[in-house]
């Protein structure tokens, strides 16, 4: 299944039993030219049981995709998936297996052939996924932060021009401090317009939560919010699920572990049709102290200034109205 996208040489490297030995060598500070060739350095080092990890993450997302394909579910979830930086033959950005891409390729084999829309909510641009489907008929939309030197550095991460050659590979870079108000504007002036124009019947959502307030990346100021809190992450996912498409929810970035747990627990409850009370107390358990100071489910916004000006949001709206028209008339 992994060979549907990944190169054989790369899989031979990451799935080899010898990777256990390579991991111990790497951790002692040695370098390996093969590791560098396959991106297995810096933020993607070899580590013990890497082969099992790659199979589990890839397998989990593919299993979720199969549940949709086989009509066993309308919504499927793989929170350890969402590894949107992994390339065909190279690990990147903490991502060793391209489960997003593998899942979409699996879903594309549905009969009749589906119209698939991929939405990426991670703080970081979905470089590998956007590149993989640049000429495939699958629509990719990444909403992220982009600035000089911010990972991943890609010419594709800029705001999509209305005259782009490919209106199915879309990018919305947001400025620092992006808040509920900004996401509310993006929903109505971009996401919903593109959905109506493209008319998907399958949606894949990468639910990275490193844009939530309190994340160590310290870039956005998004709140988890109740699904009735306009523009919040919970509200965003609730609105996507209201499209009534087959929907695959994947995880992604999120470096404040308690907040990631809060978010994915809450999004799971929305997907199950029984949203938790956003002000619910965190139940007592081994890691309870990590949920201070509130010890409740919500991840509220902080005090960071939203630098997305009304002029910039108007530019996004103008571009995406034109892009939606192009997609509708294609």
C-alpha atoms as a PDB file:
ATOM      1  CA  UNK A   1       0.000   0.000   0.000  1.00  0.00           C
ATOM      2  CA  UNK A   2       2.840   2.419   0.778  1.00  0.00           C
ATOM      3  CA  UNK A   3       4.328   1.843  -2.693  1.00  0.00           C
ATOM      4  CA  UNK A   4       1.270   3.417  -4.279  1.00  0.00           C
ATOM      5  CA  UNK A   5       3.057   6.716  -3.647  1.00  0.00           C
ATOM      6  CA  UNK A   6       6.428   6.289  -1.949  1.00  0.00           C
ATOM      7  CA  UNK A   7       9.653   5.365  -3.753  1.00  0.00           C
ATOM      8  CA  UNK A   8      10.966   1.838  -3.182  1.00  0.00           C
ATOM      9  CA  UNK A   9      14.413   3.090  -2.109  1.00  0.00           C
ATOM     10  CA  UNK A  10      12.897   5.315   0.559  1.00  0.00           C
ATOM     11  CA  UNK A  11      10.716   2.529   1.934  1.00  0.00           C
ATOM     12  CA  UNK A  12      13.668   0.145   1.921  1.00  0.00           C
ATOM     13  CA  UNK A  13      15.466   2.638   4.140  1.00  0.00           C
ATOM     14  CA  UNK A  14      12.734   3.488   6.655  1.00  0.00           C
ATOM     15  CA  UNK A  15      11.273  -0.022   6.864  1.00  0.00           C
ATOM     16  CA  UNK A  16      14.557  -1.890   7.060  1.00  0.00           C
ATOM     17  CA  UNK A  17      15.233  -3.806  10.302  1.00  0.00           C
ATOM     18  CA  UNK A  18      18.651  -2.165  10.131  1.00  0.00           C
ATOM     19  CA  UNK A  19      16.987   1.192  10.832  1.00  0.00           C
ATOM     20  CA  UNK A  20      17.067   0.250  14.515  1.00  0.00           C
ATOM     21  CA  UNK A  21      20.861   0.182  14.340  1.00  0.00           C
ATOM     22  CA  UNK A  22      20.921   3.360  12.243  1.00  0.00           C
ATOM     23  CA  UNK A  23      18.830   5.102  14.883  1.00  0.00           C
ATOM     24  CA  UNK A  24      21.284   4.303  17.657  1.00  0.00           C
ATOM     25  CA  UNK A  25      24.188   5.481  15.513  1.00  0.00           C
ATOM     26  CA  UNK A  26      22.393   8.693  14.590  1.00  0.00           C
ATOM     27  CA  UNK A  27      21.546   9.467  18.188  1.00  0.00           C
ATOM     28  CA  UNK A  28      25.239   9.241  19.071  1.00  0.00           C
ATOM     29  CA  UNK A  29      25.882  12.130  16.707  1.00  0.00           C
ATOM     30  CA  UNK A  30      27.205  10.322  13.654  1.00  0.00           C
ATOM     31  CA  UNK A  31      26.149  11.359  10.174  1.00  0.00           C
ATOM     32  CA  UNK A  32      25.034   9.133   7.338  1.00  0.00           C
ATOM     33  CA  UNK A  33      24.851  10.340   3.747  1.00  0.00           C
ATOM     34  CA  UNK A  34      21.952   7.957   3.098  1.00  0.00           C
ATOM     35  CA  UNK A  35      20.034   9.511   5.980  1.00  0.00           C
ATOM     36  CA  UNK A  36      20.531  12.965   4.474  1.00  0.00           C
ATOM     37  CA  UNK A  37      19.466  11.762   1.022  1.00  0.00           C
ATOM     38  CA  UNK A  38      16.155  10.550   2.434  1.00  0.00           C
ATOM     39  CA  UNK A  39      15.604  13.556   4.721  1.00  0.00           C
ATOM     40  CA  UNK A  40      16.275  11.441   7.820  1.00  0.00           C
ATOM     41  CA  UNK A  41      18.078  14.131   9.785  1.00  0.00           C
ATOM     42  CA  UNK A  42      17.380  17.316  11.755  1.00  0.00           C
ATOM     43  CA  UNK A  43      13.605  17.296  12.447  1.00  0.00           C
ATOM     44  CA  UNK A  44      13.221  13.770  10.990  1.00  0.00           C
ATOM     45  CA  UNK A  45      15.896  11.637  12.660  1.00  0.00           C
ATOM     46  CA  UNK A  46      15.843   7.872  12.666  1.00  0.00           C
ATOM     47  CA  UNK A  47      14.414   6.511  15.911  1.00  0.00           C
ATOM     48  CA  UNK A  48      13.767   3.082  17.433  1.00  0.00           C
ATOM     49  CA  UNK A  49      10.761   1.273  15.930  1.00  0.00           C
ATOM     50  CA  UNK A  50      10.546   3.686  12.994  1.00  0.00           C
ATOM     51  CA  UNK A  51       9.356   0.867  10.657  1.00  0.00           C
ATOM     52  CA  UNK A  52       6.426   0.108  12.960  1.00  0.00           C
ATOM     53  CA  UNK A  53       5.612   3.803  13.256  1.00  0.00           C
ATOM     54  CA  UNK A  54       5.495   4.312   9.479  1.00  0.00           C
ATOM     55  CA  UNK A  55       3.218   1.288   9.026  1.00  0.00           C
ATOM     56  CA  UNK A  56       0.902   2.290  11.877  1.00  0.00           C
ATOM     57  CA  UNK A  57       0.450   5.916  10.781  1.00  0.00           C
ATOM     58  CA  UNK A  58       0.030   5.062   7.120  1.00  0.00           C
ATOM     59  CA  UNK A  59      -2.188   2.086   7.944  1.00  0.00           C
ATOM     60  CA  UNK A  60      -4.432   4.064  10.288  1.00  0.00           C
ATOM     61  CA  UNK A  61      -5.249   6.711   7.677  1.00  0.00           C
ATOM     62  CA  UNK A  62      -5.711   4.127   4.931  1.00  0.00           C
ATOM     63  CA  UNK A  63      -8.039   2.132   7.194  1.00  0.00           C
ATOM     64  CA  UNK A  64     -10.092   5.283   7.778  1.00  0.00           C
ATOM     65  CA  UNK A  65     -10.200   5.931   4.029  1.00  0.00           C
ATOM     66  CA  UNK A  66     -11.342   2.340   3.394  1.00  0.00           C
ATOM     67  CA  UNK A  67     -14.177   2.806   5.900  1.00  0.00           C
ATOM     68  CA  UNK A  68     -15.467   5.643   3.714  1.00  0.00           C
ATOM     69  CA  UNK A  69     -14.879   3.752   0.465  1.00  0.00           C
ATOM     70  CA  UNK A  70     -16.677   0.659   1.733  1.00  0.00           C
ATOM     71  CA  UNK A  71     -19.598   2.784   2.946  1.00  0.00           C
ATOM     72  CA  UNK A  72     -19.023   1.696   6.546  1.00  0.00           C
ATOM     73  CA  UNK A  73     -18.919   5.315   7.710  1.00  0.00           C
ATOM     74  CA  UNK A  74     -19.760   8.821   6.556  1.00  0.00           C
ATOM     75  CA  UNK A  75     -17.025  10.353   8.729  1.00  0.00           C
ATOM     76  CA  UNK A  76     -13.719   8.634   9.544  1.00  0.00           C
ATOM     77  CA  UNK A  77     -10.887   9.858  11.774  1.00  0.00           C
ATOM     78  CA  UNK A  78      -7.130   9.258  11.982  1.00  0.00           C
ATOM     79  CA  UNK A  79      -5.728  11.734  14.488  1.00  0.00           C
ATOM     80  CA  UNK A  80      -2.172  10.422  14.192  1.00  0.00           C
ATOM     81  CA  UNK A  81      -2.330  11.052  10.468  1.00  0.00           C
ATOM     82  CA  UNK A  82      -2.071  14.354   8.637  1.00  0.00           C
ATOM     83  CA  UNK A  83       1.643  14.075   7.775  1.00  0.00           C
ATOM     84  CA  UNK A  84       1.458  16.618   5.001  1.00  0.00           C
ATOM     85  CA  UNK A  85       5.193  17.320   4.518  1.00  0.00           C
ATOM     86  CA  UNK A  86       6.297  13.758   3.634  1.00  0.00           C
ATOM     87  CA  UNK A  87       7.417  13.450   0.000  1.00  0.00           C
ATOM     88  CA  UNK A  88       7.698  10.449  -2.318  1.00  0.00           C
ATOM     89  CA  UNK A  89      11.270   9.727  -1.383  1.00  0.00           C
ATOM     90  CA  UNK A  90      12.062  12.039   1.514  1.00  0.00           C
ATOM     91  CA  UNK A  91      10.923  12.684   5.063  1.00  0.00           C
ATOM     92  CA  UNK A  92      10.371  16.306   6.060  1.00  0.00           C
ATOM     93  CA  UNK A  93       8.903  18.397   8.857  1.00  0.00           C
ATOM     94  CA  UNK A  94       8.377  15.545  11.359  1.00  0.00           C
ATOM     95  CA  UNK A  95       6.599  13.589   8.605  1.00  0.00           C
ATOM     96  CA  UNK A  96       7.908  10.158   7.556  1.00  0.00           C
ATOM     97  CA  UNK A  97       4.908   8.758   5.678  1.00  0.00           C
ATOM     98  CA  UNK A  98       2.618  10.592   3.245  1.00  0.00           C
ATOM     99  CA  UNK A  99      -0.639   9.330   4.750  1.00  0.00           C
ATOM    100  CA  UNK A 100      -2.646  12.318   3.447  1.00  0.00           C
ATOM    101  CA  UNK A 101      -1.586  11.567  -0.103  1.00  0.00           C
ATOM    102  CA  UNK A 102      -1.998   7.806   0.275  1.00  0.00           C
ATOM    103  CA  UNK A 103      -5.509   8.282   1.665  1.00  0.00           C
ATOM    104  CA  UNK A 104      -6.562  10.570  -1.169  1.00  0.00           C
ATOM    105  CA  UNK A 105      -5.149   8.158  -3.760  1.00  0.00           C
ATOM    106  CA  UNK A 106      -7.143   5.371  -2.123  1.00  0.00           C
ATOM    107  CA  UNK A 107     -10.330   7.456  -2.099  1.00  0.00           C
ATOM    108  CA  UNK A 108      -9.835   8.340  -5.776  1.00  0.00           C
ATOM    109  CA  UNK A 109     -10.431   4.658  -6.579  1.00  0.00           C
ATOM    110  CA  UNK A 110     -14.035   4.892  -5.362  1.00  0.00           C
ATOM    111  CA  UNK A 111     -16.707   4.080  -7.921  1.00  0.00           C
ATOM    112  CA  UNK A 112     -18.079   6.306  -9.321  1.00  0.00           C
ATOM    113  CA  UNK A 113     -14.937   8.429  -9.360  1.00  0.00           C
ATOM    114  CA  UNK A 114     -15.309  11.068  -6.621  1.00  0.00           C
ATOM    115  CA  UNK A 115     -14.629  14.786  -6.580  1.00  0.00           C
ATOM    116  CA  UNK A 116     -12.206  15.192  -3.682  1.00  0.00           C
ATOM    117  CA  UNK A 117     -11.527  18.455  -1.849  1.00  0.00           C
ATOM    118  CA  UNK A 118      -8.561  18.568   0.530  1.00  0.00           C
ATOM    119  CA  UNK A 119      -8.580  21.311   3.178  1.00  0.00           C
ATOM    120  CA  UNK A 120      -5.461  21.873   5.279  1.00  0.00           C
ATOM    121  CA  UNK A 121      -5.866  23.875   8.507  1.00  0.00           C
ATOM    122  CA  UNK A 122      -2.338  23.391   9.820  1.00  0.00           C
ATOM    123  CA  UNK A 123      -0.201  26.426  10.660  1.00  0.00           C
ATOM    124  CA  UNK A 124       2.266  25.227   8.012  1.00  0.00           C
ATOM    125  CA  UNK A 125       1.670  25.032   4.260  1.00  0.00           C
ATOM    126  CA  UNK A 126       0.680  21.626   2.846  1.00  0.00           C
ATOM    127  CA  UNK A 127       3.629  21.535   0.463  1.00  0.00           C
ATOM    128  CA  UNK A 128       3.842  17.809  -0.271  1.00  0.00           C
ATOM    129  CA  UNK A 129       0.084  17.325  -0.701  1.00  0.00           C
ATOM    130  CA  UNK A 130      -0.351  20.391  -2.895  1.00  0.00           C
ATOM    131  CA  UNK A 131       2.536  19.309  -5.129  1.00  0.00           C
ATOM    132  CA  UNK A 132       1.346  15.701  -5.351  1.00  0.00           C
ATOM    133  CA  UNK A 133      -2.082  16.668  -6.726  1.00  0.00           C
ATOM    134  CA  UNK A 134      -1.079  19.701  -8.772  1.00  0.00           C
ATOM    135  CA  UNK A 135      -2.428  18.153 -11.986  1.00  0.00           C
ATOM    136  CA  UNK A 136      -4.801  15.444 -10.834  1.00  0.00           C
ATOM    137  CA  UNK A 137      -8.267  16.977 -10.595  1.00  0.00           C
ATOM    138  CA  UNK A 138      -8.203  16.848  -6.803  1.00  0.00           C
ATOM    139  CA  UNK A 139      -8.690  20.307  -5.293  1.00  0.00           C
ATOM    140  CA  UNK A 140      -6.265  21.278  -2.517  1.00  0.00           C
ATOM    141  CA  UNK A 141      -6.781  24.308  -0.281  1.00  0.00           C
ATOM    142  CA  UNK A 142      -4.188  25.181   2.353  1.00  0.00           C
ATOM    143  CA  UNK A 143      -4.848  27.882   4.981  1.00  0.00           C
ATOM    144  CA  UNK A 144      -1.593  28.572   6.790  1.00  0.00           C
ATOM    145  CA  UNK A 145       1.073  31.089   7.776  1.00  0.00           C
ATOM    146  CA  UNK A 146       3.812  32.073   5.381  1.00  0.00           C
ATOM    147  CA  UNK A 147       6.672  34.510   5.887  1.00  0.00           C
ATOM    148  CA  UNK A 148      10.356  34.749   5.029  1.00  0.00           C
ATOM    149  CA  UNK A 149      12.135  31.655   6.323  1.00  0.00           C
ATOM    150  CA  UNK A 150       8.965  30.089   7.766  1.00  0.00           C
ATOM    151  CA  UNK A 151       8.767  26.337   7.145  1.00  0.00           C
ATOM    152  CA  UNK A 152       8.156  25.065   4.545  1.00  0.00           C
ATOM    153  CA  UNK A 153       9.676  27.625   2.216  1.00  0.00           C
ATOM    154  CA  UNK A 154       7.746  27.212  -1.041  1.00  0.00           C
ATOM    155  CA  UNK A 155       6.729  29.496  -3.916  1.00  0.00           C
ATOM    156  CA  UNK A 156       3.346  27.729  -3.794  1.00  0.00           C
ATOM    157  CA  UNK A 157       2.538  29.043  -0.299  1.00  0.00           C
ATOM    158  CA  UNK A 158       1.720  32.583  -1.450  1.00  0.00           C
ATOM    159  CA  UNK A 159      -1.830  33.854  -1.956  1.00  0.00           C
ATOM    160  CA  UNK A 160      -3.242  32.221  -5.077  1.00  0.00           C
ATOM    161  CA  UNK A 161      -3.666  34.673  -7.923  1.00  0.00           C
ATOM    162  CA  UNK A 162      -7.011  34.763  -9.765  1.00  0.00           C
ATOM    163  CA  UNK A 163      -5.017  34.233 -12.975  1.00  0.00           C
ATOM    164  CA  UNK A 164      -3.091  31.170 -11.769  1.00  0.00           C
ATOM    165  CA  UNK A 165      -2.590  28.388 -14.299  1.00  0.00           C
ATOM    166  CA  UNK A 166      -4.068  25.895 -11.827  1.00  0.00           C
ATOM    167  CA  UNK A 167      -7.193  27.022  -9.931  1.00  0.00           C
ATOM    168  CA  UNK A 168      -7.376  23.624  -8.201  1.00  0.00           C
ATOM    169  CA  UNK A 169      -4.213  24.163  -6.121  1.00  0.00           C
ATOM    170  CA  UNK A 170      -5.155  26.945  -3.715  1.00  0.00           C
ATOM    171  CA  UNK A 171      -3.255  28.724  -0.967  1.00  0.00           C
ATOM    172  CA  UNK A 172      -4.307  31.263   1.659  1.00  0.00           C
ATOM    173  CA  UNK A 173      -1.400  32.527   3.765  1.00  0.00           C
ATOM    174  CA  UNK A 174      -2.559  34.370   6.890  1.00  0.00           C
ATOM    175  CA  UNK A 175      -0.618  36.946   8.840  1.00  0.00           C
ATOM    176  CA  UNK A 176       0.327  36.579  12.482  1.00  0.00           C
ATOM    177  CA  UNK A 177      -2.380  36.601  15.126  1.00  0.00           C
ATOM    178  CA  UNK A 178      -5.080  35.036  12.905  1.00  0.00           C
ATOM    179  CA  UNK A 179      -8.203  34.858  15.079  1.00  0.00           C
ATOM    180  CA  UNK A 180     -11.782  33.623  14.898  1.00  0.00           C
ATOM    181  CA  UNK A 181     -12.794  36.797  13.054  1.00  0.00           C
ATOM    182  CA  UNK A 182     -10.225  36.153  10.329  1.00  0.00           C
ATOM    183  CA  UNK A 183     -11.245  32.513   9.934  1.00  0.00           C
ATOM    184  CA  UNK A 184     -14.914  33.533   9.807  1.00  0.00           C
ATOM    185  CA  UNK A 185     -14.093  35.869   6.909  1.00  0.00           C
ATOM    186  CA  UNK A 186     -12.032  33.174   5.165  1.00  0.00           C
ATOM    187  CA  UNK A 187     -14.890  30.698   5.480  1.00  0.00           C
ATOM    188  CA  UNK A 188     -17.496  32.893   3.819  1.00  0.00           C
ATOM    189  CA  UNK A 189     -15.243  34.573   1.266  1.00  0.00           C
ATOM    190  CA  UNK A 190     -13.107  31.606   0.210  1.00  0.00           C
ATOM    191  CA  UNK A 191     -13.821  28.132   1.601  1.00  0.00           C
ATOM    192  CA  UNK A 192     -17.580  28.082   1.080  1.00  0.00           C
ATOM    193  CA  UNK A 193     -17.289  29.733  -2.344  1.00  0.00           C
ATOM    194  CA  UNK A 194     -14.788  27.135  -3.533  1.00  0.00           C
ATOM    195  CA  UNK A 195     -16.878  24.272  -2.157  1.00  0.00           C
ATOM    196  CA  UNK A 196     -19.987  25.482  -3.972  1.00  0.00           C
ATOM    197  CA  UNK A 197     -18.048  25.915  -7.214  1.00  0.00           C
ATOM    198  CA  UNK A 198     -16.189  22.581  -7.058  1.00  0.00           C
ATOM    199  CA  UNK A 199     -19.089  20.564  -5.593  1.00  0.00           C
ATOM    200  CA  UNK A 200     -17.069  17.782  -3.902  1.00  0.00           C
ATOM    201  CA  UNK A 201     -18.594  14.570  -2.635  1.00  0.00           C
ATOM    202  CA  UNK A 202     -15.528  13.600  -0.566  1.00  0.00           C
ATOM    203  CA  UNK A 203     -13.653  15.971   1.756  1.00  0.00           C
ATOM    204  CA  UNK A 204     -10.315  15.305   3.472  1.00  0.00           C
ATOM    205  CA  UNK A 205      -9.448  17.741   6.278  1.00  0.00           C
ATOM    206  CA  UNK A 206      -6.009  18.036   7.849  1.00  0.00           C
ATOM    207  CA  UNK A 207      -6.839  19.351  11.327  1.00  0.00           C
ATOM    208  CA  UNK A 208      -3.451  20.605  12.486  1.00  0.00           C
ATOM    209  CA  UNK A 209      -3.894  22.486  15.758  1.00  0.00           C
ATOM    210  CA  UNK A 210      -0.617  24.423  15.910  1.00  0.00           C
ATOM    211  CA  UNK A 211      -2.595  27.553  14.985  1.00  0.00           C
ATOM    212  CA  UNK A 212      -4.455  27.487  18.300  1.00  0.00           C
ATOM    213  CA  UNK A 213      -3.580  30.078  20.934  1.00  0.00           C
ATOM    214  CA  UNK A 214      -0.995  28.765  23.365  1.00  0.00           C
ATOM    215  CA  UNK A 215       0.927  26.672  20.845  1.00  0.00           C
ATOM    216  CA  UNK A 216       4.729  27.011  21.153  1.00  0.00           C
ATOM    217  CA  UNK A 217       4.825  28.260  17.546  1.00  0.00           C
ATOM    218  CA  UNK A 218       3.248  31.491  18.892  1.00  0.00           C
ATOM    219  CA  UNK A 219       1.958  32.509  15.472  1.00  0.00           C
ATOM    220  CA  UNK A 220      -1.848  32.406  15.396  1.00  0.00           C
ATOM    221  CA  UNK A 221      -4.518  33.217  17.973  1.00  0.00           C
ATOM    222  CA  UNK A 222      -7.277  30.803  16.960  1.00  0.00           C
ATOM    223  CA  UNK A 223      -9.618  29.392  19.607  1.00  0.00           C
ATOM    224  CA  UNK A 224     -11.092  25.918  19.859  1.00  0.00           C
ATOM    225  CA  UNK A 225     -14.438  27.461  20.805  1.00  0.00           C
ATOM    226  CA  UNK A 226     -17.861  25.894  20.828  1.00  0.00           C
ATOM    227  CA  UNK A 227     -19.230  24.861  17.431  1.00  0.00           C
ATOM    228  CA  UNK A 228     -21.588  27.827  17.788  1.00  0.00           C
ATOM    229  CA  UNK A 229     -18.648  30.257  18.268  1.00  0.00           C
ATOM    230  CA  UNK A 230     -18.295  31.782  14.803  1.00  0.00           C
ATOM    231  CA  UNK A 231     -14.899  31.278  13.204  1.00  0.00           C
ATOM    232  CA  UNK A 232     -13.465  28.952  15.872  1.00  0.00           C
ATOM    233  CA  UNK A 233     -11.850  25.641  14.955  1.00  0.00           C
ATOM    234  CA  UNK A 234     -14.847  23.755  16.327  1.00  0.00           C
ATOM    235  CA  UNK A 235     -17.199  25.936  14.293  1.00  0.00           C
ATOM    236  CA  UNK A 236     -15.068  25.396  11.164  1.00  0.00           C
ATOM    237  CA  UNK A 237     -15.211  21.603  11.405  1.00  0.00           C
ATOM    238  CA  UNK A 238     -18.921  21.672  12.240  1.00  0.00           C
ATOM    239  CA  UNK A 239     -19.592  23.696   9.088  1.00  0.00           C
ATOM    240  CA  UNK A 240     -17.546  21.307   6.930  1.00  0.00           C
ATOM    241  CA  UNK A 241     -19.489  18.344   8.316  1.00  0.00           C
ATOM    242  CA  UNK A 242     -22.741  20.143   7.436  1.00  0.00           C
ATOM    243  CA  UNK A 243     -21.800  19.697   3.780  1.00  0.00           C
ATOM    244  CA  UNK A 244     -22.827  16.045   4.214  1.00  0.00           C
ATOM    245  CA  UNK A 245     -19.928  14.742   2.142  1.00  0.00           C
ATOM    246  CA  UNK A 246     -17.939  11.644   2.964  1.00  0.00           C
ATOM    247  CA  UNK A 247     -15.343  13.195   5.277  1.00  0.00           C
ATOM    248  CA  UNK A 248     -11.913  12.056   6.448  1.00  0.00           C
ATOM    249  CA  UNK A 249     -10.522  13.963   9.440  1.00  0.00           C
ATOM    250  CA  UNK A 250      -6.750  13.764   9.924  1.00  0.00           C
ATOM    251  CA  UNK A 251      -4.497  15.187  12.616  1.00  0.00           C
ATOM    252  CA  UNK A 252      -1.380  17.252  12.035  1.00  0.00           C
ATOM    253  CA  UNK A 253       0.760  19.748  13.898  1.00  0.00           C
ATOM    254  CA  UNK A 254       0.152  20.745  17.482  1.00  0.00           C
ATOM    255  CA  UNK A 255       2.999  21.182  19.942  1.00  0.00           C
ATOM    256  CA  UNK A 256       1.045  21.960  23.088  1.00  0.00           C
ATOM    257  CA  UNK A 257       0.065  18.373  23.873  1.00  0.00           C
ATOM    258  CA  UNK A 258      -2.794  19.140  26.301  1.00  0.00           C
ATOM    259  CA  UNK A 259      -4.339  21.560  23.801  1.00  0.00           C
ATOM    260  CA  UNK A 260      -3.997  19.035  20.976  1.00  0.00           C
ATOM    261  CA  UNK A 261      -5.776  16.471  23.156  1.00  0.00           C
ATOM    262  CA  UNK A 262      -8.502  19.007  23.960  1.00  0.00           C
ATOM    263  CA  UNK A 263      -8.988  19.865  20.300  1.00  0.00           C
ATOM    264  CA  UNK A 264      -9.125  16.362  18.875  1.00  0.00           C
ATOM    265  CA  UNK A 265     -11.404  15.161  21.680  1.00  0.00           C
ATOM    266  CA  UNK A 266     -13.782  18.028  20.977  1.00  0.00           C
ATOM    267  CA  UNK A 267     -13.658  17.557  17.198  1.00  0.00           C
ATOM    268  CA  UNK A 268     -14.355  13.858  17.677  1.00  0.00           C
ATOM    269  CA  UNK A 269     -17.465  14.712  19.671  1.00  0.00           C
ATOM    270  CA  UNK A 270     -18.653  17.025  16.884  1.00  0.00           C
ATOM    271  CA  UNK A 271     -18.014  14.332  14.263  1.00  0.00           C
ATOM    272  CA  UNK A 272     -20.046  11.877  16.368  1.00  0.00           C
ATOM    273  CA  UNK A 273     -22.958  14.315  16.491  1.00  0.00           C
ATOM    274  CA  UNK A 274     -22.762  14.787  20.267  1.00  0.00           C
ATOM    275  CA  UNK A 275     -20.634  17.892  20.898  1.00  0.00           C
ATOM    276  CA  UNK A 276     -19.095  18.099  24.346  1.00  0.00           C
ATOM    277  CA  UNK A 277     -19.728  21.153  26.505  1.00  0.00           C
ATOM    278  CA  UNK A 278     -16.797  23.418  25.612  1.00  0.00           C
ATOM    279  CA  UNK A 279     -16.573  24.467  29.274  1.00  0.00           C
ATOM    280  CA  UNK A 280     -16.537  20.882  30.549  1.00  0.00           C
ATOM    281  CA  UNK A 281     -14.023  20.043  33.261  1.00  0.00           C
ATOM    282  CA  UNK A 282     -11.074  17.856  32.306  1.00  0.00           C
ATOM    283  CA  UNK A 283     -11.540  14.519  34.109  1.00  0.00           C
ATOM    284  CA  UNK A 284      -8.945  13.524  36.672  1.00  0.00           C
ATOM    285  CA  UNK A 285      -6.171  11.365  35.227  1.00  0.00           C
ATOM    286  CA  UNK A 286      -2.409  10.898  35.277  1.00  0.00           C
ATOM    287  CA  UNK A 287      -1.666  14.029  33.246  1.00  0.00           C
ATOM    288  CA  UNK A 288      -4.332  16.258  34.803  1.00  0.00           C
ATOM    289  CA  UNK A 289      -1.797  18.877  36.067  1.00  0.00           C
ATOM    290  CA  UNK A 290      -0.784  19.646  32.459  1.00  0.00           C
ATOM    291  CA  UNK A 291      -4.229  21.151  31.797  1.00  0.00           C
ATOM    292  CA  UNK A 292      -3.676  24.126  34.077  1.00  0.00           C
ATOM    293  CA  UNK A 293      -4.696  26.850  34.604  1.00  0.00           C
ATOM    294  CA  UNK A 294      -8.284  26.341  33.404  1.00  0.00           C
ATOM    295  CA  UNK A 295      -8.595  22.528  33.653  1.00  0.00           C
ATOM    296  CA  UNK A 296     -11.466  22.811  31.158  1.00  0.00           C
ATOM    297  CA  UNK A 297     -11.921  21.672  27.557  1.00  0.00           C
ATOM    298  CA  UNK A 298     -11.755  25.003  25.731  1.00  0.00           C
ATOM    299  CA  UNK A 299      -8.636  26.584  24.251  1.00  0.00           C
ATOM    300  CA  UNK A 300      -9.520  30.299  24.402  1.00  0.00           C
ATOM    301  CA  UNK A 301      -7.870  33.006  22.361  1.00  0.00           C
ATOM    302  CA  UNK A 302      -5.009  34.982  23.843  1.00  0.00           C
ATOM    303  CA  UNK A 303      -4.112  38.654  23.604  1.00  0.00           C
ATOM    304  CA  UNK A 304      -2.097  38.526  20.348  1.00  0.00           C
ATOM    305  CA  UNK A 305      -3.012  41.205  17.811  1.00  0.00           C
ATOM    306  CA  UNK A 306      -4.607  39.949  14.597  1.00  0.00           C
ATOM    307  CA  UNK A 307      -2.438  41.401  11.801  1.00  0.00           C
ATOM    308  CA  UNK A 308      -4.821  40.305   9.029  1.00  0.00           C
ATOM    309  CA  UNK A 309      -6.174  43.683   7.961  1.00  0.00           C
ATOM    310  CA  UNK A 310      -9.553  44.298   6.382  1.00  0.00           C
ATOM    311  CA  UNK A 311      -7.715  45.265   3.186  1.00  0.00           C
ATOM    312  CA  UNK A 312      -5.873  41.942   3.077  1.00  0.00           C
ATOM    313  CA  UNK A 313      -9.032  39.938   3.774  1.00  0.00           C
ATOM    314  CA  UNK A 314     -10.749  41.901   0.981  1.00  0.00           C
ATOM    315  CA  UNK A 315      -7.916  40.913  -1.384  1.00  0.00           C
ATOM    316  CA  UNK A 316      -8.397  37.251  -0.465  1.00  0.00           C
ATOM    317  CA  UNK A 317     -12.148  37.578  -1.068  1.00  0.00           C
ATOM    318  CA  UNK A 318     -11.618  39.206  -4.476  1.00  0.00           C
ATOM    319  CA  UNK A 319      -9.129  36.546  -5.595  1.00  0.00           C
ATOM    320  CA  UNK A 320     -11.298  33.664  -4.462  1.00  0.00           C
ATOM    321  CA  UNK A 321     -14.473  34.972  -6.048  1.00  0.00           C
ATOM    322  CA  UNK A 322     -12.629  34.934  -9.365  1.00  0.00           C
ATOM    323  CA  UNK A 323     -11.137  31.499  -8.677  1.00  0.00           C
ATOM    324  CA  UNK A 324     -14.568  30.113  -7.778  1.00  0.00           C
ATOM    325  CA  UNK A 325     -15.965  31.450 -11.048  1.00  0.00           C
ATOM    326  CA  UNK A 326     -13.149  29.780 -13.000  1.00  0.00           C
ATOM    327  CA  UNK A 327     -13.734  26.441 -11.268  1.00  0.00           C
ATOM    328  CA  UNK A 328     -17.500  26.657 -11.798  1.00  0.00           C
ATOM    329  CA  UNK A 329     -17.098  27.419 -15.492  1.00  0.00           C
ATOM    330  CA  UNK A 330     -14.327  24.909 -16.197  1.00  0.00           C
END
